PDB file of all heavy atoms in Angstrom:
ATOM      1  N   PHE A   1      26.462   6.426  55.209  1.00  0.00           N
ATOM      2  CA  PHE A   1      27.317   7.156  56.280  1.00  0.00           C
ATOM      3  C   PHE A   1      27.612   6.218  57.456  1.00  0.00           C
ATOM      4  O   PHE A   1      26.964   5.179  57.625  1.00  0.00           O
ATOM      5  CB  PHE A   1      26.642   8.408  56.695  1.00  0.00           C
ATOM      6  CG  PHE A   1      25.331   8.286  57.411  1.00  0.00           C
ATOM      7  CD1 PHE A   1      25.335   8.174  58.822  1.00  0.00           C
ATOM      8  CD2 PHE A   1      24.103   8.129  56.681  1.00  0.00           C
ATOM      9  CE1 PHE A   1      24.084   8.038  59.456  1.00  0.00           C
ATOM     10  CE2 PHE A   1      22.968   8.025  57.346  1.00  0.00           C
ATOM     11  CZ  PHE A   1      22.888   7.988  58.796  1.00  0.00           C
ATOM     12  N   LYS A   2      28.573   6.774  58.276  1.00  0.00           N
ATOM     13  CA  LYS A   2      28.920   6.010  59.433  1.00  0.00           C
ATOM     14  C   LYS A   2      28.965   7.006  60.748  1.00  0.00           C
ATOM     15  O   LYS A   2      29.251   8.179  60.502  1.00  0.00           O
ATOM     16  CB  LYS A   2      30.350   5.444  59.265  1.00  0.00           C
ATOM     17  CG  LYS A   2      30.372   4.303  58.220  1.00  0.00           C
ATOM     18  CD  LYS A   2      31.789   3.756  58.202  1.00  0.00           C
ATOM     19  CE  LYS A   2      31.767   2.708  57.071  1.00  0.00           C
ATOM     20  NZ  LYS A   2      33.270   2.021  56.997  1.00  0.00           N
ATOM     21  N   ILE A   3      28.704   6.450  61.835  1.00  0.00           N
ATOM     22  CA  ILE A   3      28.992   7.209  63.139  1.00  0.00           C
ATOM     23  C   ILE A   3      29.735   6.222  64.044  1.00  0.00           C
ATOM     24  O   ILE A   3      29.723   4.972  63.751  1.00  0.00           O
ATOM     25  CB  ILE A   3      27.665   7.639  63.727  1.00  0.00           C
ATOM     26  CG1 ILE A   3      26.724   6.456  64.199  1.00  0.00           C
ATOM     27  CG2 ILE A   3      26.831   8.527  62.895  1.00  0.00           C
ATOM     28  CD1 ILE A   3      25.652   6.755  65.094  1.00  0.00           C
ATOM     29  N   SER A   4      30.287   6.743  65.082  1.00  0.00           N
ATOM     30  CA  SER A   4      30.917   5.979  66.141  1.00  0.00           C
ATOM     31  C   SER A   4      30.192   6.020  67.383  1.00  0.00           C
ATOM     32  O   SER A   4      29.689   7.068  67.794  1.00  0.00           O
ATOM     33  CB  SER A   4      32.371   6.475  66.283  1.00  0.00           C
ATOM     34  OG  SER A   4      33.173   6.387  65.085  1.00  0.00           O
ATOM     35  N   ILE A   5      30.003   4.812  68.062  1.00  0.00           N
ATOM     36  CA  ILE A   5      29.353   4.844  69.356  1.00  0.00           C
ATOM     37  C   ILE A   5      30.511   4.989  70.372  1.00  0.00           C
ATOM     38  O   ILE A   5      31.501   4.295  70.487  1.00  0.00           O
ATOM     39  CB  ILE A   5      28.658   3.485  69.618  1.00  0.00           C
ATOM     40  CG1 ILE A   5      27.701   3.283  68.516  1.00  0.00           C
ATOM     41  CG2 ILE A   5      28.053   3.459  70.980  1.00  0.00           C
ATOM     42  CD1 ILE A   5      26.611   4.312  68.344  1.00  0.00           C
ATOM     43  N   GLY A   6      30.284   6.003  71.316  1.00  0.00           N
ATOM     44  CA  GLY A   6      31.316   6.371  72.312  1.00  0.00           C
ATOM     45  C   GLY A   6      31.194   5.339  73.454  1.00  0.00           C
ATOM     46  O   GLY A   6      30.253   4.512  73.630  1.00  0.00           O
ATOM     47  N   ASP A   7      32.208   5.360  74.288  1.00  0.00           N
ATOM     48  CA  ASP A   7      32.272   4.482  75.485  1.00  0.00           C
ATOM     49  C   ASP A   7      31.842   5.314  76.567  1.00  0.00           C
ATOM     50  O   ASP A   7      32.515   5.956  77.304  1.00  0.00           O
ATOM     51  CB  ASP A   7      33.844   3.966  75.657  1.00  0.00           C
ATOM     52  CG  ASP A   7      33.867   2.924  76.643  1.00  0.00           C
ATOM     53  OD1 ASP A   7      32.836   2.556  77.357  1.00  0.00           O
ATOM     54  OD2 ASP A   7      34.937   2.331  76.850  1.00  0.00           O
ATOM     55  N   LEU A   8      30.501   5.385  76.776  1.00  0.00           N
ATOM     56  CA  LEU A   8      29.793   6.178  77.742  1.00  0.00           C
ATOM     57  C   LEU A   8      30.101   5.643  79.153  1.00  0.00           C
ATOM     58  O   LEU A   8      29.936   4.508  79.562  1.00  0.00           O
ATOM     59  CB  LEU A   8      28.330   6.271  77.443  1.00  0.00           C
ATOM     60  CG  LEU A   8      27.424   7.159  78.294  1.00  0.00           C
ATOM     61  CD1 LEU A   8      27.857   8.722  77.929  1.00  0.00           C
ATOM     62  CD2 LEU A   8      26.055   6.891  77.895  1.00  0.00           C
ATOM     63  N   THR A   9      30.404   6.667  80.131  1.00  0.00           N
ATOM     64  CA  THR A   9      30.541   6.352  81.465  1.00  0.00           C
ATOM     65  C   THR A   9      29.682   7.225  82.323  1.00  0.00           C
ATOM     66  O   THR A   9      29.266   8.175  81.851  1.00  0.00           O
ATOM     67  CB  THR A   9      31.964   6.528  81.884  1.00  0.00           C
ATOM     68  OG1 THR A   9      32.347   7.961  81.820  1.00  0.00           O
ATOM     69  CG2 THR A   9      32.950   5.737  81.005  1.00  0.00           C
ATOM     70  N   THR A  10      29.481   6.750  83.554  1.00  0.00           N
ATOM     71  CA  THR A  10      28.712   7.569  84.515  1.00  0.00           C
ATOM     72  C   THR A  10      29.532   8.590  85.198  1.00  0.00           C
ATOM     73  O   THR A  10      30.768   8.599  85.074  1.00  0.00           O
ATOM     74  CB  THR A  10      28.122   6.749  85.613  1.00  0.00           C
ATOM     75  OG1 THR A  10      29.180   5.984  86.271  1.00  0.00           O
ATOM     76  CG2 THR A  10      27.193   5.687  85.009  1.00  0.00           C
ATOM     77  N   ARG A  11      28.885   9.683  85.732  1.00  0.00           N
ATOM     78  CA  ARG A  11      29.540  10.672  86.418  1.00  0.00           C
ATOM     79  C   ARG A  11      30.322  10.083  87.690  1.00  0.00           C
ATOM     80  O   ARG A  11      29.810   9.257  88.386  1.00  0.00           O
ATOM     81  CB  ARG A  11      28.696  11.771  86.929  1.00  0.00           C
ATOM     82  CG  ARG A  11      27.942  12.506  85.829  1.00  0.00           C
ATOM     83  CD  ARG A  11      26.941  13.516  86.462  1.00  0.00           C
ATOM     84  NE  ARG A  11      26.379  14.431  85.424  1.00  0.00           N
ATOM     85  CZ  ARG A  11      25.372  14.199  84.723  1.00  0.00           C
ATOM     86  NH1 ARG A  11      24.799  13.002  84.818  1.00  0.00           N
ATOM     87  NH2 ARG A  11      24.924  15.015  83.811  1.00  0.00           N
ATOM     88  N   LYS A  12      31.455  10.592  87.859  1.00  0.00           N
ATOM     89  CA  LYS A  12      32.309  10.094  89.049  1.00  0.00           C
ATOM     90  C   LYS A  12      31.896  11.027  90.256  1.00  0.00           C
ATOM     91  O   LYS A  12      31.943  10.519  91.357  1.00  0.00           O
ATOM     92  CB  LYS A  12      33.769  10.238  88.884  1.00  0.00           C
ATOM     93  CG  LYS A  12      34.338   9.087  87.993  1.00  0.00           C
ATOM     94  CD  LYS A  12      35.834   8.982  88.135  1.00  0.00           C
ATOM     95  CE  LYS A  12      36.444   7.728  87.527  1.00  0.00           C
ATOM     96  NZ  LYS A  12      37.838   7.606  87.693  1.00  0.00           N
ATOM     97  N   ALA A  13      31.617  12.288  89.982  1.00  0.00           N
ATOM     98  CA  ALA A  13      31.251  13.066  91.059  1.00  0.00           C
ATOM     99  C   ALA A  13      29.918  12.808  91.666  1.00  0.00           C
ATOM    100  O   ALA A  13      29.033  12.372  90.913  1.00  0.00           O
ATOM    101  CB  ALA A  13      31.271  14.567  90.543  1.00  0.00           C
ATOM    102  N   ARG A  14      29.735  12.850  92.927  1.00  0.00           N
ATOM    103  CA  ARG A  14      28.454  12.665  93.574  1.00  0.00           C
ATOM    104  C   ARG A  14      27.624  13.826  93.411  1.00  0.00           C
ATOM    105  O   ARG A  14      28.127  15.001  93.158  1.00  0.00           O
ATOM    106  CB  ARG A  14      28.772  12.423  95.080  1.00  0.00           C
ATOM    107  CG  ARG A  14      29.432  11.073  95.493  1.00  0.00           C
ATOM    108  CD  ARG A  14      29.561  10.956  96.952  1.00  0.00           C
ATOM    109  NE  ARG A  14      28.342  11.037  97.638  1.00  0.00           N
ATOM    110  CZ  ARG A  14      28.233  11.161  98.980  1.00  0.00           C
ATOM    111  NH1 ARG A  14      29.313  11.167  99.710  1.00  0.00           N
ATOM    112  NH2 ARG A  14      27.084  11.074  99.538  1.00  0.00           N
ATOM    113  N   PRO A  15      26.304  13.622  93.400  1.00  0.00           N
ATOM    114  CA  PRO A  15      25.409  14.833  93.307  1.00  0.00           C
ATOM    115  C   PRO A  15      25.803  15.873  94.394  1.00  0.00           C
ATOM    116  O   PRO A  15      26.094  15.470  95.496  1.00  0.00           O
ATOM    117  CB  PRO A  15      24.005  14.172  93.465  1.00  0.00           C
ATOM    118  CG  PRO A  15      24.171  12.817  93.097  1.00  0.00           C
ATOM    119  CD  PRO A  15      25.542  12.435  93.571  1.00  0.00           C
ATOM    120  N   VAL A  16      25.609  17.054  94.052  1.00  0.00           N
ATOM    121  CA  VAL A  16      25.864  18.188  95.041  1.00  0.00           C
ATOM    122  C   VAL A  16      24.609  18.200  95.945  1.00  0.00           C
ATOM    123  O   VAL A  16      23.549  18.404  95.514  1.00  0.00           O
ATOM    124  CB  VAL A  16      26.038  19.515  94.376  1.00  0.00           C
ATOM    125  CG1 VAL A  16      26.187  20.635  95.372  1.00  0.00           C
ATOM    126  CG2 VAL A  16      27.377  19.448  93.614  1.00  0.00           C
ATOM    127  N   GLU A  17      24.770  18.098  97.301  1.00  0.00           N
ATOM    128  CA  GLU A  17      23.679  18.179  98.260  1.00  0.00           C
ATOM    129  C   GLU A  17      23.725  19.578  98.853  1.00  0.00           C
ATOM    130  O   GLU A  17      24.616  19.905  99.663  1.00  0.00           O
ATOM    131  CB  GLU A  17      23.828  17.098  99.235  1.00  0.00           C
ATOM    132  CG  GLU A  17      23.644  15.669  98.675  1.00  0.00           C
ATOM    133  CD  GLU A  17      23.894  14.634  99.749  1.00  0.00           C
ATOM    134  OE1 GLU A  17      24.062  14.993 100.857  1.00  0.00           O
ATOM    135  OE2 GLU A  17      23.879  13.402  99.359  1.00  0.00           O
ATOM    136  N   LEU A  18      22.969  20.517  98.284  1.00  0.00           N
ATOM    137  CA  LEU A  18      22.957  21.881  98.837  1.00  0.00           C
ATOM    138  C   LEU A  18      22.596  21.881 100.194  1.00  0.00           C
ATOM    139  O   LEU A  18      21.359  21.517 100.524  1.00  0.00           O
ATOM    140  CB  LEU A  18      22.175  22.662  97.773  1.00  0.00           C
ATOM    141  CG  LEU A  18      22.558  22.737  96.405  1.00  0.00           C
ATOM    142  CD1 LEU A  18      21.572  23.509  95.542  1.00  0.00           C
ATOM    143  CD2 LEU A  18      23.957  23.294  96.271  1.00  0.00           C
ATOM    144  N   PRO A  19      23.210  22.541 100.998  1.00  0.00           N
ATOM    145  CA  PRO A  19      22.849  22.505 102.501  1.00  0.00           C
ATOM    146  C   PRO A  19      21.822  23.549 102.815  1.00  0.00           C
ATOM    147  O   PRO A  19      21.715  24.646 102.157  1.00  0.00           O
ATOM    148  CB  PRO A  19      24.168  23.002 103.210  1.00  0.00           C
ATOM    149  CG  PRO A  19      24.957  23.738 102.127  1.00  0.00           C
ATOM    150  CD  PRO A  19      24.555  23.100 100.840  1.00  0.00           C
ATOM    151  N   ASN A  20      20.979  23.361 103.766  1.00  0.00           N
ATOM    152  CA  ASN A  20      19.878  24.385 104.176  1.00  0.00           C
ATOM    153  C   ASN A  20      20.494  25.238 105.255  1.00  0.00           C
ATOM    154  O   ASN A  20      20.219  25.215 106.405  1.00  0.00           O
ATOM    155  CB  ASN A  20      18.690  23.569 104.680  1.00  0.00           C
ATOM    156  CG  ASN A  20      17.680  24.423 105.014  1.00  0.00           C
ATOM    157  OD1 ASN A  20      17.673  25.608 104.657  1.00  0.00           O
ATOM    158  ND2 ASN A  20      16.584  24.056 105.778  1.00  0.00           N
ATOM    159  N   VAL A  21      21.491  26.135 104.787  1.00  0.00           N
ATOM    160  CA  VAL A  21      22.295  26.925 105.739  1.00  0.00           C
ATOM    161  C   VAL A  21      22.311  28.337 105.137  1.00  0.00           C
ATOM    162  O   VAL A  21      21.879  28.571 103.993  1.00  0.00           O
ATOM    163  CB  VAL A  21      23.743  26.375 105.927  1.00  0.00           C
ATOM    164  CG1 VAL A  21      23.678  25.045 106.586  1.00  0.00           C
ATOM    165  CG2 VAL A  21      24.496  26.314 104.594  1.00  0.00           C
ATOM    166  N   GLY A  22      22.900  29.166 105.832  1.00  0.00           N
ATOM    167  CA  GLY A  22      23.093  30.611 105.442  1.00  0.00           C
ATOM    168  C   GLY A  22      22.584  31.578 106.400  1.00  0.00           C
ATOM    169  O   GLY A  22      21.938  31.151 107.382  1.00  0.00           O
ATOM    170  N   ARG A  23      22.775  32.837 106.145  1.00  0.00           N
ATOM    171  CA  ARG A  23      22.454  33.870 107.079  1.00  0.00           C
ATOM    172  C   ARG A  23      21.115  34.590 106.610  1.00  0.00           C
ATOM    173  O   ARG A  23      20.644  35.441 107.257  1.00  0.00           O
ATOM    174  CB  ARG A  23      23.527  34.851 107.196  1.00  0.00           C
ATOM    175  CG  ARG A  23      24.667  34.319 107.974  1.00  0.00           C
ATOM    176  CD  ARG A  23      25.846  35.360 107.984  1.00  0.00           C
ATOM    177  NE  ARG A  23      26.468  35.450 106.633  1.00  0.00           N
ATOM    178  CZ  ARG A  23      27.324  36.440 106.340  1.00  0.00           C
ATOM    179  NH1 ARG A  23      27.738  37.337 107.276  1.00  0.00           N
ATOM    180  NH2 ARG A  23      27.838  36.444 105.089  1.00  0.00           N
ATOM    181  N   GLY A  24      20.535  34.132 105.475  1.00  0.00           N
ATOM    182  CA  GLY A  24      19.409  34.727 104.961  1.00  0.00           C
ATOM    183  C   GLY A  24      18.123  34.447 105.829  1.00  0.00           C
ATOM    184  O   GLY A  24      18.078  33.423 106.363  1.00  0.00           O
ATOM    185  N   ASN A  25      17.172  35.319 105.627  1.00  0.00           N
ATOM    186  CA  ASN A  25      15.816  35.088 106.150  1.00  0.00           C
ATOM    187  C   ASN A  25      15.049  34.168 105.412  1.00  0.00           C
ATOM    188  O   ASN A  25      15.226  34.007 104.151  1.00  0.00           O
ATOM    189  CB  ASN A  25      15.109  36.356 106.429  1.00  0.00           C
ATOM    190  CG  ASN A  25      15.777  37.406 107.361  1.00  0.00           C
ATOM    191  OD1 ASN A  25      16.472  36.921 108.314  1.00  0.00           O
ATOM    192  ND2 ASN A  25      15.663  38.616 107.124  1.00  0.00           N
ATOM    193  N   VAL A  26      14.006  33.520 106.118  1.00  0.00           N
ATOM    194  CA  VAL A  26      13.058  32.594 105.454  1.00  0.00           C
ATOM    195  C   VAL A  26      11.725  32.975 105.720  1.00  0.00           C
ATOM    196  O   VAL A  26      11.358  33.519 106.818  1.00  0.00           O
ATOM    197  CB  VAL A  26      13.352  31.213 106.101  1.00  0.00           C
ATOM    198  CG1 VAL A  26      12.242  30.136 105.571  1.00  0.00           C
ATOM    199  CG2 VAL A  26      14.746  30.579 105.753  1.00  0.00           C
ATOM    200  N   GLN A  27      10.856  32.886 104.757  1.00  0.00           N
ATOM    201  CA  GLN A  27       9.388  33.191 104.873  1.00  0.00           C
ATOM    202  C   GLN A  27       8.627  32.108 105.521  1.00  0.00           C
ATOM    203  O   GLN A  27       8.884  30.894 105.164  1.00  0.00           O
ATOM    204  CB  GLN A  27       8.833  33.530 103.492  1.00  0.00           C
ATOM    205  CG  GLN A  27       9.500  34.666 102.772  1.00  0.00           C
ATOM    206  CD  GLN A  27       8.817  34.839 101.464  1.00  0.00           C
ATOM    207  OE1 GLN A  27       7.698  35.268 101.323  1.00  0.00           O
ATOM    208  NE2 GLN A  27       9.688  34.720 100.352  1.00  0.00           N
ATOM    209  N   THR A  28       7.807  32.402 106.425  1.00  0.00           N
ATOM    210  CA  THR A  28       6.811  31.430 106.957  1.00  0.00           C
ATOM    211  C   THR A  28       5.379  32.024 106.850  1.00  0.00           C
ATOM    212  O   THR A  28       5.189  33.215 106.909  1.00  0.00           O
ATOM    213  CB  THR A  28       7.149  31.089 108.405  1.00  0.00           C
ATOM    214  OG1 THR A  28       7.097  32.275 109.158  1.00  0.00           O
ATOM    215  CG2 THR A  28       8.612  30.534 108.551  1.00  0.00           C
ATOM    216  N   PHE A  29       4.501  31.110 106.811  1.00  0.00           N
ATOM    217  CA  PHE A  29       3.087  31.369 106.639  1.00  0.00           C
ATOM    218  C   PHE A  29       2.183  30.516 107.605  1.00  0.00           C
ATOM    219  O   PHE A  29       2.356  29.249 107.541  1.00  0.00           O
ATOM    220  CB  PHE A  29       2.607  31.254 105.193  1.00  0.00           C
ATOM    221  CG  PHE A  29       3.574  31.834 104.229  1.00  0.00           C
ATOM    222  CD1 PHE A  29       4.324  31.023 103.436  1.00  0.00           C
ATOM    223  CD2 PHE A  29       3.625  33.221 104.083  1.00  0.00           C
ATOM    224  CE1 PHE A  29       5.162  31.739 102.378  1.00  0.00           C
ATOM    225  CE2 PHE A  29       4.497  33.901 103.108  1.00  0.00           C
ATOM    226  CZ  PHE A  29       5.314  32.986 102.346  1.00  0.00           C
ATOM    227  N   ALA A  30       1.329  31.177 108.236  1.00  0.00           N
ATOM    228  CA  ALA A  30       0.442  30.418 109.145  1.00  0.00           C
ATOM    229  C   ALA A  30      -0.453  29.435 108.383  1.00  0.00           C
ATOM    230  O   ALA A  30      -0.773  28.348 108.820  1.00  0.00           O
ATOM    231  CB  ALA A  30      -0.435  31.455 109.987  1.00  0.00           C
ATOM    232  N   THR A  31      -0.880  29.922 107.198  1.00  0.00           N
ATOM    233  CA  THR A  31      -1.825  29.045 106.462  1.00  0.00           C
ATOM    234  C   THR A  31      -1.067  27.992 105.607  1.00  0.00           C
ATOM    235  O   THR A  31      -1.748  27.010 105.188  1.00  0.00           O
ATOM    236  CB  THR A  31      -2.573  29.980 105.392  1.00  0.00           C
ATOM    237  OG1 THR A  31      -1.625  30.685 104.537  1.00  0.00           O
ATOM    238  CG2 THR A  31      -3.479  30.947 106.027  1.00  0.00           C
ATOM    239  N   ARG A  32       0.239  28.182 105.435  1.00  0.00           N
ATOM    240  CA  ARG A  32       0.995  27.038 104.688  1.00  0.00           C
ATOM    241  C   ARG A  32       2.265  26.864 105.360  1.00  0.00           C
ATOM    242  O   ARG A  32       3.349  27.217 104.969  1.00  0.00           O
ATOM    243  CB  ARG A  32       1.311  27.669 103.263  1.00  0.00           C
ATOM    244  CG  ARG A  32       0.033  27.805 102.283  1.00  0.00           C
ATOM    245  CD  ARG A  32      -0.729  26.467 102.120  1.00  0.00           C
ATOM    246  NE  ARG A  32       0.245  25.440 101.508  1.00  0.00           N
ATOM    247  CZ  ARG A  32       0.394  25.247 100.248  1.00  0.00           C
ATOM    248  NH1 ARG A  32      -0.285  26.010  99.372  1.00  0.00           N
ATOM    249  NH2 ARG A  32       1.202  24.228  99.811  1.00  0.00           N
ATOM    250  N   PRO A  33       2.092  26.090 106.438  1.00  0.00           N
ATOM    251  CA  PRO A  33       3.423  25.776 107.217  1.00  0.00           C
ATOM    252  C   PRO A  33       4.337  24.798 106.462  1.00  0.00           C
ATOM    253  O   PRO A  33       5.422  24.658 106.879  1.00  0.00           O
ATOM    254  CB  PRO A  33       2.889  25.082 108.476  1.00  0.00           C
ATOM    255  CG  PRO A  33       1.538  24.646 108.168  1.00  0.00           C
ATOM    256  CD  PRO A  33       0.918  25.623 107.176  1.00  0.00           C
ATOM    257  N   ASP A  34       3.799  24.278 105.354  1.00  0.00           N
ATOM    258  CA  ASP A  34       4.686  23.372 104.556  1.00  0.00           C
ATOM    259  C   ASP A  34       5.565  24.152 103.553  1.00  0.00           C
ATOM    260  O   ASP A  34       6.409  23.514 103.060  1.00  0.00           O
ATOM    261  CB  ASP A  34       3.796  22.359 103.701  1.00  0.00           C
ATOM    262  CG  ASP A  34       2.759  23.143 102.845  1.00  0.00           C
ATOM    263  OD1 ASP A  34       2.130  24.237 103.384  1.00  0.00           O
ATOM    264  OD2 ASP A  34       2.598  22.817 101.619  1.00  0.00           O
ATOM    265  N   LEU A  35       5.406  25.440 103.495  1.00  0.00           N
ATOM    266  CA  LEU A  35       6.169  26.292 102.585  1.00  0.00           C
ATOM    267  C   LEU A  35       7.110  27.206 103.337  1.00  0.00           C
ATOM    268  O   LEU A  35       6.686  27.895 104.281  1.00  0.00           O
ATOM    269  CB  LEU A  35       5.342  27.177 101.666  1.00  0.00           C
ATOM    270  CG  LEU A  35       4.365  26.365 100.699  1.00  0.00           C
ATOM    271  CD1 LEU A  35       3.629  27.358  99.837  1.00  0.00           C
ATOM    272  CD2 LEU A  35       5.172  25.327  99.869  1.00  0.00           C
ATOM    273  N   GLU A  36       8.454  27.146 103.059  1.00  0.00           N
ATOM    274  CA  GLU A  36       9.423  28.071 103.733  1.00  0.00           C
ATOM    275  C   GLU A  36      10.430  28.544 102.715  1.00  0.00           C
ATOM    276  O   GLU A  36      11.627  28.188 102.619  1.00  0.00           O
ATOM    277  CB  GLU A  36      10.072  27.243 104.770  1.00  0.00           C
ATOM    278  CG  GLU A  36       9.255  26.922 106.058  1.00  0.00           C
ATOM    279  CD  GLU A  36      10.048  26.369 107.223  1.00  0.00           C
ATOM    280  OE1 GLU A  36      11.204  26.054 106.924  1.00  0.00           O
ATOM    281  OE2 GLU A  36       9.547  26.291 108.237  1.00  0.00           O
ATOM    282  N   PRO A  37       9.945  29.394 101.794  1.00  0.00           N
ATOM    283  CA  PRO A  37      10.891  29.907 100.818  1.00  0.00           C
ATOM    284  C   PRO A  37      11.858  30.907 101.317  1.00  0.00           C
ATOM    285  O   PRO A  37      11.459  31.495 102.406  1.00  0.00           O
ATOM    286  CB  PRO A  37       9.925  30.536  99.673  1.00  0.00           C
ATOM    287  CG  PRO A  37       8.706  30.927 100.530  1.00  0.00           C
ATOM    288  CD  PRO A  37       8.554  29.821 101.554  1.00  0.00           C
ATOM    289  N   PRO A  38      12.935  31.147 100.726  1.00  0.00           N
ATOM    290  CA  PRO A  38      13.851  32.256 101.247  1.00  0.00           C
ATOM    291  C   PRO A  38      13.108  33.662 100.982  1.00  0.00           C
ATOM    292  O   PRO A  38      12.364  33.753 100.029  1.00  0.00           O
ATOM    293  CB  PRO A  38      15.059  32.026 100.398  1.00  0.00           C
ATOM    294  CG  PRO A  38      14.658  31.317  99.079  1.00  0.00           C
ATOM    295  CD  PRO A  38      13.475  30.447  99.574  1.00  0.00           C
ATOM    296  N   SER A  39      13.482  34.512 101.793  1.00  0.00           N
ATOM    297  CA  SER A  39      12.952  35.904 101.597  1.00  0.00           C
ATOM    298  C   SER A  39      13.474  36.636 100.374  1.00  0.00           C
ATOM    299  O   SER A  39      14.586  36.200  99.992  1.00  0.00           O
ATOM    300  CB  SER A  39      13.289  36.727 102.936  1.00  0.00           C
ATOM    301  OG  SER A  39      12.671  36.181 104.041  1.00  0.00           O
ATOM    302  N   VAL A  40      12.773  37.561  99.850  1.00  0.00           N
ATOM    303  CA  VAL A  40      13.143  38.362  98.742  1.00  0.00           C
ATOM    304  C   VAL A  40      12.969  39.863  99.099  1.00  0.00           C
ATOM    305  O   VAL A  40      11.946  40.131  99.642  1.00  0.00           O
ATOM    306  CB  VAL A  40      12.352  37.987  97.470  1.00  0.00           C
ATOM    307  CG1 VAL A  40      12.801  38.821  96.318  1.00  0.00           C
ATOM    308  CG2 VAL A  40      12.560  36.448  97.140  1.00  0.00           C
ATOM    309  N   THR A  41      14.013  40.566  98.789  1.00  0.00           N
ATOM    310  CA  THR A  41      13.904  42.036  99.050  1.00  0.00           C
ATOM    311  C   THR A  41      13.970  42.784  97.732  1.00  0.00           C
ATOM    312  O   THR A  41      14.921  42.557  96.910  1.00  0.00           O
ATOM    313  CB  THR A  41      15.080  42.536  99.909  1.00  0.00           C
ATOM    314  OG1 THR A  41      14.986  41.743 101.145  1.00  0.00           O
ATOM    315  CG2 THR A  41      14.995  43.962 100.182  1.00  0.00           C
ATOM    316  N   VAL A  42      13.060  43.669  97.486  1.00  0.00           N
ATOM    317  CA  VAL A  42      13.056  44.635  96.440  1.00  0.00           C
ATOM    318  C   VAL A  42      13.553  45.937  96.852  1.00  0.00           C
ATOM    319  O   VAL A  42      12.970  46.523  97.788  1.00  0.00           O
ATOM    320  CB  VAL A  42      11.683  44.741  95.675  1.00  0.00           C
ATOM    321  CG1 VAL A  42      11.723  45.927  94.633  1.00  0.00           C
ATOM    322  CG2 VAL A  42      11.344  43.518  94.978  1.00  0.00           C
ATOM    323  N   THR A  43      14.595  46.515  96.261  1.00  0.00           N
ATOM    324  CA  THR A  43      15.152  47.746  96.679  1.00  0.00           C
ATOM    325  C   THR A  43      14.790  48.923  95.849  1.00  0.00           C
ATOM    326  O   THR A  43      14.951  50.080  96.214  1.00  0.00           O
ATOM    327  CB  THR A  43      16.776  47.656  96.810  1.00  0.00           C
ATOM    328  OG1 THR A  43      17.249  47.287  95.468  1.00  0.00           O
ATOM    329  CG2 THR A  43      17.172  46.538  97.836  1.00  0.00           C
ATOM    330  N   THR A  44      14.512  48.598  94.604  1.00  0.00           N
ATOM    331  CA  THR A  44      14.170  49.751  93.577  1.00  0.00           C
ATOM    332  C   THR A  44      12.963  49.226  92.794  1.00  0.00           C
ATOM    333  O   THR A  44      12.955  48.148  92.223  1.00  0.00           O
ATOM    334  CB  THR A  44      15.323  49.964  92.673  1.00  0.00           C
ATOM    335  OG1 THR A  44      16.463  50.307  93.488  1.00  0.00           O
ATOM    336  CG2 THR A  44      14.961  51.160  91.662  1.00  0.00           C
ATOM    337  N   ALA A  45      11.978  50.128  92.577  1.00  0.00           N
ATOM    338  CA  ALA A  45      10.754  49.878  91.783  1.00  0.00           C
ATOM    339  C   ALA A  45      10.304  51.180  91.291  1.00  0.00           C
ATOM    340  O   ALA A  45       9.558  51.891  91.920  1.00  0.00           O
ATOM    341  CB  ALA A  45       9.652  49.043  92.501  1.00  0.00           C
ATOM    342  N   LYS A  46      10.797  51.629  90.191  1.00  0.00           N
ATOM    343  CA  LYS A  46      10.577  52.972  89.598  1.00  0.00           C
ATOM    344  C   LYS A  46       9.647  52.886  88.373  1.00  0.00           C
ATOM    345  O   LYS A  46       9.543  51.816  87.732  1.00  0.00           O
ATOM    346  CB  LYS A  46      11.866  53.645  89.194  1.00  0.00           C
ATOM    347  CG  LYS A  46      12.841  53.895  90.339  1.00  0.00           C
ATOM    348  CD  LYS A  46      14.112  54.609  89.748  1.00  0.00           C
ATOM    349  CE  LYS A  46      15.088  54.900  90.797  1.00  0.00           C
ATOM    350  NZ  LYS A  46      16.296  55.570  90.315  1.00  0.00           N
TER     351      LYS A  46
END
């Protein structure tokens, strides 16, 4: 059998650099100041 080798190229687009912005709240912890995850809200738990 045969296969063809493609002419592989790199991505032209630059990596997306997601900004640390927005209006949402951030969690902070006195014991772990190195962690700042976004807040999460549960509205229903039945």
